[in-house]
Amino acid sequence: MEGHKKVVKKSRVIKVGSEGSWDYYVAKAFKQGFPVAVHFSASWCTPSRAMSHFFEELALEYKGVVFLSVDVDETKDVASKLEIKAMPTFVLMKDGAPNFKLVGANPVELRKRINGFIYG
């Protein structure tokens, strides 16, 4: 298979590893007027892992949205601040504040909510 190159897409999902990086990316999105979609997950949670690929696809589709990924075990302070109690949880934010929370692995509902959030 010489001559064939595998195309690797660069992820648009930003992995948040600390409360400081969370504050930075949320503030930056707010200043630039971008809404934020956040995937709160855990490495041990099968539905969270299953939704990661779909969340990546959404990030490629919706260029005007900042997509963040937060592992609740690695960044407990952020999960606690947003009262995340189950995984996966998706939070949509505008103007630096949470506007909508979806608990569970529901790709159809997540896409619908992001569409409504952006175009509604």
N, C-alpha and C. Protein backbone atom coordinates (compact mmCIF):
# COMPACT_ATOMS: atom_id res chain seq x y z
N MET A 1 0.82 -1.18 0.00
CA MET A 1 0.00 0.00 0.00
C MET A 1 0.87 1.25 0.00
N GLU A 2 1.95 1.18 -0.71
CA GLU A 2 2.82 2.35 -0.83
C GLU A 2 2.08 3.46 -1.54
N GLY A 3 2.38 4.69 -1.15
CA GLY A 3 1.75 5.83 -1.77
C GLY A 3 0.43 6.23 -1.12
N HIS A 4 -0.11 5.36 -0.29
CA HIS A 4 -1.36 5.69 0.40
C HIS A 4 -1.03 6.24 1.78
N LYS A 5 -1.52 7.43 2.03
CA LYS A 5 -1.29 8.04 3.33
C LYS A 5 -2.60 8.09 4.09
N LYS A 6 -2.52 7.76 5.35
CA LYS A 6 -3.71 7.85 6.19
C LYS A 6 -3.89 9.31 6.61
N VAL A 7 -5.08 9.82 6.38
CA VAL A 7 -5.36 11.20 6.73
C VAL A 7 -5.79 11.24 8.20
N VAL A 8 -5.07 12.01 8.98
CA VAL A 8 -5.39 12.14 10.40
C VAL A 8 -5.98 13.52 10.61
N LYS A 9 -7.22 13.55 11.08
CA LYS A 9 -7.86 14.83 11.35
C LYS A 9 -7.42 15.34 12.71
N LYS A 10 -7.12 16.62 12.76
CA LYS A 10 -6.75 17.24 14.02
C LYS A 10 -8.01 17.46 14.83
N SER A 11 -7.98 17.10 16.08
CA SER A 11 -9.14 17.25 16.94
C SER A 11 -9.41 18.72 17.23
N ARG A 12 -10.66 19.09 17.23
CA ARG A 12 -11.07 20.43 17.63
C ARG A 12 -11.54 20.44 19.08
N VAL A 13 -11.55 19.28 19.73
CA VAL A 13 -11.97 19.18 21.12
C VAL A 13 -10.75 19.44 22.00
N ILE A 14 -10.88 20.40 22.89
CA ILE A 14 -9.78 20.78 23.78
C ILE A 14 -9.94 20.03 25.10
N LYS A 15 -8.92 19.28 25.48
CA LYS A 15 -8.95 18.55 26.75
C LYS A 15 -8.55 19.50 27.88
N VAL A 16 -9.44 19.64 28.84
CA VAL A 16 -9.20 20.52 29.99
C VAL A 16 -8.61 19.67 31.11
N GLY A 17 -7.44 20.08 31.60
CA GLY A 17 -6.75 19.28 32.60
C GLY A 17 -6.66 19.92 33.97
N SER A 18 -7.16 21.16 34.10
CA SER A 18 -7.09 21.84 35.40
C SER A 18 -8.15 22.93 35.46
N GLU A 19 -8.39 23.41 36.66
CA GLU A 19 -9.36 24.50 36.81
C GLU A 19 -8.84 25.76 36.12
N GLY A 20 -7.52 25.97 36.15
CA GLY A 20 -6.92 27.11 35.47
C GLY A 20 -7.15 27.09 33.97
N SER A 21 -6.96 25.92 33.34
CA SER A 21 -7.18 25.83 31.90
C SER A 21 -8.67 25.97 31.58
N TRP A 22 -9.53 25.45 32.46
CA TRP A 22 -10.98 25.62 32.30
C TRP A 22 -11.32 27.11 32.27
N ASP A 23 -10.86 27.84 33.27
CA ASP A 23 -11.13 29.28 33.36
C ASP A 23 -10.61 30.01 32.11
N TYR A 24 -9.42 29.62 31.65
CA TYR A 24 -8.81 30.25 30.48
C TYR A 24 -9.67 30.05 29.24
N TYR A 25 -10.05 28.81 28.94
CA TYR A 25 -10.80 28.53 27.70
C TYR A 25 -12.21 29.10 27.74
N VAL A 26 -12.86 29.06 28.89
CA VAL A 26 -14.22 29.61 29.01
C VAL A 26 -14.16 31.13 28.85
N ALA A 27 -13.18 31.78 29.49
CA ALA A 27 -13.04 33.24 29.38
C ALA A 27 -12.70 33.65 27.95
N LYS A 28 -11.82 32.89 27.30
CA LYS A 28 -11.43 33.19 25.92
C LYS A 28 -12.64 33.08 24.99
N ALA A 29 -13.43 32.02 25.14
CA ALA A 29 -14.63 31.84 24.31
C ALA A 29 -15.62 32.98 24.54
N PHE A 30 -15.79 33.37 25.81
CA PHE A 30 -16.69 34.46 26.16
C PHE A 30 -16.24 35.76 25.49
N LYS A 31 -14.97 36.07 25.58
CA LYS A 31 -14.43 37.31 24.99
C LYS A 31 -14.59 37.33 23.47
N GLN A 32 -14.49 36.15 22.85
CA GLN A 32 -14.60 36.07 21.39
C GLN A 32 -16.06 35.87 20.93
N GLY A 33 -16.97 35.74 21.89
CA GLY A 33 -18.39 35.58 21.55
C GLY A 33 -18.78 34.19 21.08
N PHE A 34 -17.98 33.18 21.41
CA PHE A 34 -18.28 31.81 21.01
C PHE A 34 -19.04 31.05 22.10
N PRO A 35 -20.06 30.29 21.72
CA PRO A 35 -20.66 29.38 22.69
C PRO A 35 -19.70 28.22 22.97
N VAL A 36 -19.93 27.52 24.08
CA VAL A 36 -19.06 26.42 24.49
C VAL A 36 -19.90 25.17 24.71
N ALA A 37 -19.43 24.03 24.19
CA ALA A 37 -20.03 22.73 24.44
C ALA A 37 -19.01 21.91 25.22
N VAL A 38 -19.45 21.33 26.35
CA VAL A 38 -18.53 20.60 27.22
C VAL A 38 -19.01 19.16 27.39
N HIS A 39 -18.08 18.23 27.25
CA HIS A 39 -18.34 16.81 27.48
C HIS A 39 -17.65 16.43 28.79
N PHE A 40 -18.43 16.21 29.84
CA PHE A 40 -17.90 15.71 31.10
C PHE A 40 -17.95 14.20 31.04
N SER A 41 -16.79 13.57 31.24
CA SER A 41 -16.70 12.13 31.08
C SER A 41 -15.76 11.53 32.12
N ALA A 42 -15.64 10.21 32.05
CA ALA A 42 -14.69 9.48 32.90
C ALA A 42 -14.16 8.31 32.07
N SER A 43 -12.88 8.01 32.23
CA SER A 43 -12.26 6.96 31.43
C SER A 43 -12.88 5.59 31.68
N TRP A 44 -13.43 5.38 32.86
CA TRP A 44 -14.02 4.09 33.21
C TRP A 44 -15.47 3.96 32.74
N CYS A 45 -16.04 5.04 32.22
CA CYS A 45 -17.47 5.06 31.84
C CYS A 45 -17.63 4.73 30.36
N THR A 46 -18.19 3.56 30.07
CA THR A 46 -18.36 3.10 28.70
C THR A 46 -19.20 4.06 27.86
N PRO A 47 -20.36 4.57 28.34
CA PRO A 47 -21.11 5.53 27.53
C PRO A 47 -20.32 6.82 27.24
N SER A 48 -19.50 7.25 28.19
CA SER A 48 -18.66 8.44 27.96
C SER A 48 -17.69 8.19 26.82
N ARG A 49 -17.04 7.03 26.85
CA ARG A 49 -16.09 6.69 25.80
C ARG A 49 -16.79 6.58 24.45
N ALA A 50 -17.98 6.01 24.46
CA ALA A 50 -18.74 5.85 23.22
C ALA A 50 -19.13 7.20 22.63
N MET A 51 -19.41 8.17 23.45
CA MET A 51 -19.83 9.49 22.97
C MET A 51 -18.65 10.37 22.54
N SER A 52 -17.44 10.01 22.92
CA SER A 52 -16.28 10.83 22.58
C SER A 52 -16.12 11.01 21.07
N HIS A 53 -16.28 9.93 20.31
CA HIS A 53 -16.13 10.01 18.85
C HIS A 53 -17.21 10.92 18.26
N PHE A 54 -18.44 10.78 18.73
CA PHE A 54 -19.54 11.61 18.24
C PHE A 54 -19.29 13.08 18.57
N PHE A 55 -18.78 13.34 19.77
CA PHE A 55 -18.47 14.71 20.19
C PHE A 55 -17.40 15.31 19.28
N GLU A 56 -16.41 14.49 18.90
CA GLU A 56 -15.37 14.92 17.94
C GLU A 56 -16.01 15.29 16.60
N GLU A 57 -16.96 14.50 16.13
CA GLU A 57 -17.64 14.78 14.87
C GLU A 57 -18.39 16.10 14.95
N LEU A 58 -19.07 16.34 16.07
CA LEU A 58 -19.79 17.59 16.24
C LEU A 58 -18.83 18.78 16.21
N ALA A 59 -17.67 18.61 16.82
CA ALA A 59 -16.67 19.69 16.85
C ALA A 59 -16.21 20.04 15.44
N LEU A 60 -16.09 19.06 14.57
CA LEU A 60 -15.70 19.33 13.19
C LEU A 60 -16.83 20.00 12.40
N GLU A 61 -18.05 19.68 12.78
CA GLU A 61 -19.22 20.20 12.08
C GLU A 61 -19.55 21.65 12.49
N TYR A 62 -19.45 21.96 13.76
CA TYR A 62 -19.83 23.28 14.28
C TYR A 62 -18.58 24.10 14.58
N LYS A 63 -18.12 24.82 13.56
CA LYS A 63 -16.85 25.56 13.68
C LYS A 63 -16.95 26.76 14.63
N GLY A 64 -18.13 27.31 14.81
CA GLY A 64 -18.31 28.50 15.64
C GLY A 64 -18.56 28.20 17.10
N VAL A 65 -18.23 26.98 17.53
CA VAL A 65 -18.43 26.56 18.92
C VAL A 65 -17.10 26.05 19.46
N VAL A 66 -16.80 26.39 20.70
CA VAL A 66 -15.61 25.85 21.37
C VAL A 66 -16.03 24.56 22.06
N PHE A 67 -15.35 23.46 21.75
CA PHE A 67 -15.65 22.15 22.33
C PHE A 67 -14.59 21.79 23.35
N LEU A 68 -15.04 21.53 24.59
CA LEU A 68 -14.14 21.16 25.67
C LEU A 68 -14.48 19.78 26.18
N SER A 69 -13.46 19.05 26.62
CA SER A 69 -13.63 17.74 27.22
C SER A 69 -13.02 17.76 28.62
N VAL A 70 -13.80 17.32 29.61
CA VAL A 70 -13.34 17.33 31.00
C VAL A 70 -13.51 15.93 31.58
N ASP A 71 -12.40 15.33 32.02
CA ASP A 71 -12.45 14.05 32.73
C ASP A 71 -12.72 14.39 34.20
N VAL A 72 -13.85 13.93 34.71
CA VAL A 72 -14.27 14.32 36.07
C VAL A 72 -13.32 13.80 37.15
N ASP A 73 -12.58 12.74 36.86
CA ASP A 73 -11.64 12.22 37.85
C ASP A 73 -10.35 13.02 37.87
N GLU A 74 -9.99 13.60 36.73
CA GLU A 74 -8.76 14.39 36.64
C GLU A 74 -8.99 15.85 37.03
N THR A 75 -10.20 16.33 36.83
CA THR A 75 -10.52 17.74 37.07
C THR A 75 -11.76 17.85 37.94
N LYS A 76 -11.65 17.32 39.15
CA LYS A 76 -12.79 17.24 40.07
C LYS A 76 -13.35 18.60 40.44
N ASP A 77 -12.49 19.60 40.56
CA ASP A 77 -12.96 20.92 40.98
C ASP A 77 -13.92 21.54 39.96
N VAL A 78 -13.65 21.35 38.67
CA VAL A 78 -14.53 21.87 37.63
C VAL A 78 -15.85 21.11 37.63
N ALA A 79 -15.79 19.78 37.72
CA ALA A 79 -17.00 18.97 37.75
C ALA A 79 -17.86 19.33 38.95
N SER A 80 -17.23 19.56 40.09
CA SER A 80 -17.95 19.92 41.30
C SER A 80 -18.61 21.29 41.15
N LYS A 81 -17.87 22.24 40.59
CA LYS A 81 -18.38 23.61 40.41
C LYS A 81 -19.64 23.61 39.53
N LEU A 82 -19.68 22.73 38.53
CA LEU A 82 -20.84 22.67 37.64
C LEU A 82 -21.86 21.61 38.06
N GLU A 83 -21.65 21.04 39.24
CA GLU A 83 -22.57 20.05 39.83
C GLU A 83 -22.82 18.87 38.89
N ILE A 84 -21.73 18.31 38.36
CA ILE A 84 -21.82 17.14 37.49
C ILE A 84 -21.89 15.90 38.38
N LYS A 85 -22.97 15.14 38.22
CA LYS A 85 -23.20 13.99 39.10
C LYS A 85 -23.20 12.65 38.36
N ALA A 86 -23.30 12.68 37.02
CA ALA A 86 -23.36 11.45 36.23
C ALA A 86 -22.60 11.65 34.93
N MET A 87 -22.12 10.55 34.36
CA MET A 87 -21.40 10.60 33.10
C MET A 87 -22.11 9.74 32.06
N PRO A 88 -22.06 10.18 30.82
CA PRO A 88 -21.57 11.49 30.39
C PRO A 88 -22.60 12.58 30.66
N THR A 89 -22.12 13.78 30.86
CA THR A 89 -22.97 14.97 30.95
C THR A 89 -22.42 15.99 29.97
N PHE A 90 -23.33 16.61 29.24
CA PHE A 90 -22.95 17.64 28.27
C PHE A 90 -23.55 18.96 28.72
N VAL A 91 -22.72 19.99 28.74
CA VAL A 91 -23.15 21.31 29.17
C VAL A 91 -22.93 22.28 28.02
N LEU A 92 -23.94 23.07 27.72
CA LEU A 92 -23.83 24.12 26.72
C LEU A 92 -23.78 25.45 27.45
N MET A 93 -22.78 26.26 27.08
CA MET A 93 -22.55 27.53 27.77
C MET A 93 -22.55 28.69 26.79
N LYS A 94 -23.10 29.80 27.25
CA LYS A 94 -23.08 31.03 26.47
C LYS A 94 -22.74 32.16 27.42
N ASP A 95 -21.94 33.09 26.97
CA ASP A 95 -21.53 34.24 27.79
C ASP A 95 -20.86 33.80 29.09
N GLY A 96 -20.13 32.68 29.04
CA GLY A 96 -19.38 32.21 30.19
C GLY A 96 -20.19 31.48 31.24
N ALA A 97 -21.49 31.27 30.99
CA ALA A 97 -22.34 30.62 31.99
C ALA A 97 -23.09 29.43 31.39
N PRO A 98 -23.30 28.37 32.18
CA PRO A 98 -24.06 27.22 31.69
C PRO A 98 -25.51 27.60 31.36
N ASN A 99 -25.99 27.14 30.21
CA ASN A 99 -27.36 27.40 29.78
C ASN A 99 -28.20 26.13 29.71
N PHE A 100 -27.53 24.99 29.47
CA PHE A 100 -28.27 23.73 29.30
C PHE A 100 -27.38 22.56 29.69
N LYS A 101 -28.00 21.56 30.30
CA LYS A 101 -27.28 20.35 30.70
C LYS A 101 -28.04 19.13 30.21
N LEU A 102 -27.33 18.21 29.54
CA LEU A 102 -27.90 16.95 29.07
C LEU A 102 -27.13 15.81 29.71
N VAL A 103 -27.84 14.98 30.46
CA VAL A 103 -27.21 13.84 31.13
C VAL A 103 -27.51 12.57 30.34
N GLY A 104 -26.46 11.81 30.02
CA GLY A 104 -26.64 10.55 29.31
C GLY A 104 -26.11 10.59 27.89
N ALA A 105 -25.94 9.40 27.34
CA ALA A 105 -25.41 9.24 25.98
C ALA A 105 -26.56 9.22 24.98
N ASN A 106 -26.92 10.39 24.49
CA ASN A 106 -28.02 10.52 23.54
C ASN A 106 -27.57 11.41 22.38
N PRO A 107 -26.93 10.82 21.35
CA PRO A 107 -26.39 11.62 20.25
C PRO A 107 -27.44 12.46 19.52
N VAL A 108 -28.63 11.90 19.29
CA VAL A 108 -29.67 12.64 18.56
C VAL A 108 -30.08 13.88 19.34
N GLU A 109 -30.31 13.73 20.62
CA GLU A 109 -30.72 14.86 21.47
C GLU A 109 -29.59 15.89 21.58
N LEU A 110 -28.35 15.44 21.69
CA LEU A 110 -27.22 16.36 21.79
C LEU A 110 -27.11 17.22 20.54
N ARG A 111 -27.20 16.60 19.37
CA ARG A 111 -27.13 17.36 18.11
C ARG A 111 -28.28 18.36 18.04
N LYS A 112 -29.48 17.91 18.39
CA LYS A 112 -30.66 18.77 18.36
C LYS A 112 -30.47 19.98 19.29
N ARG A 113 -29.95 19.75 20.48
CA ARG A 113 -29.75 20.83 21.45
C ARG A 113 -28.68 21.81 20.99
N ILE A 114 -27.60 21.30 20.39
CA ILE A 114 -26.55 22.20 19.89
C ILE A 114 -27.10 23.04 18.74
N ASN A 115 -27.86 22.42 17.86
CA ASN A 115 -28.49 23.16 16.76
C ASN A 115 -29.38 24.28 17.30
N GLY A 116 -30.24 23.93 18.25
CA GLY A 116 -31.14 24.90 18.84
C GLY A 116 -30.40 25.99 19.59
N PHE A 117 -29.32 25.60 20.22
CA PHE A 117 -28.50 26.52 21.01
C PHE A 117 -27.84 27.56 20.11
N ILE A 118 -27.37 27.11 18.95
CA ILE A 118 -26.64 27.99 18.04
C ILE A 118 -27.60 28.77 17.14
N TYR A 119 -28.57 28.07 16.58
CA TYR A 119 -29.42 28.69 15.58
C TYR A 119 -30.79 29.12 16.12
N GLY A 120 -31.05 28.78 17.38
CA GLY A 120 -32.38 29.07 17.95
C GLY A 120 -32.55 30.43 18.51
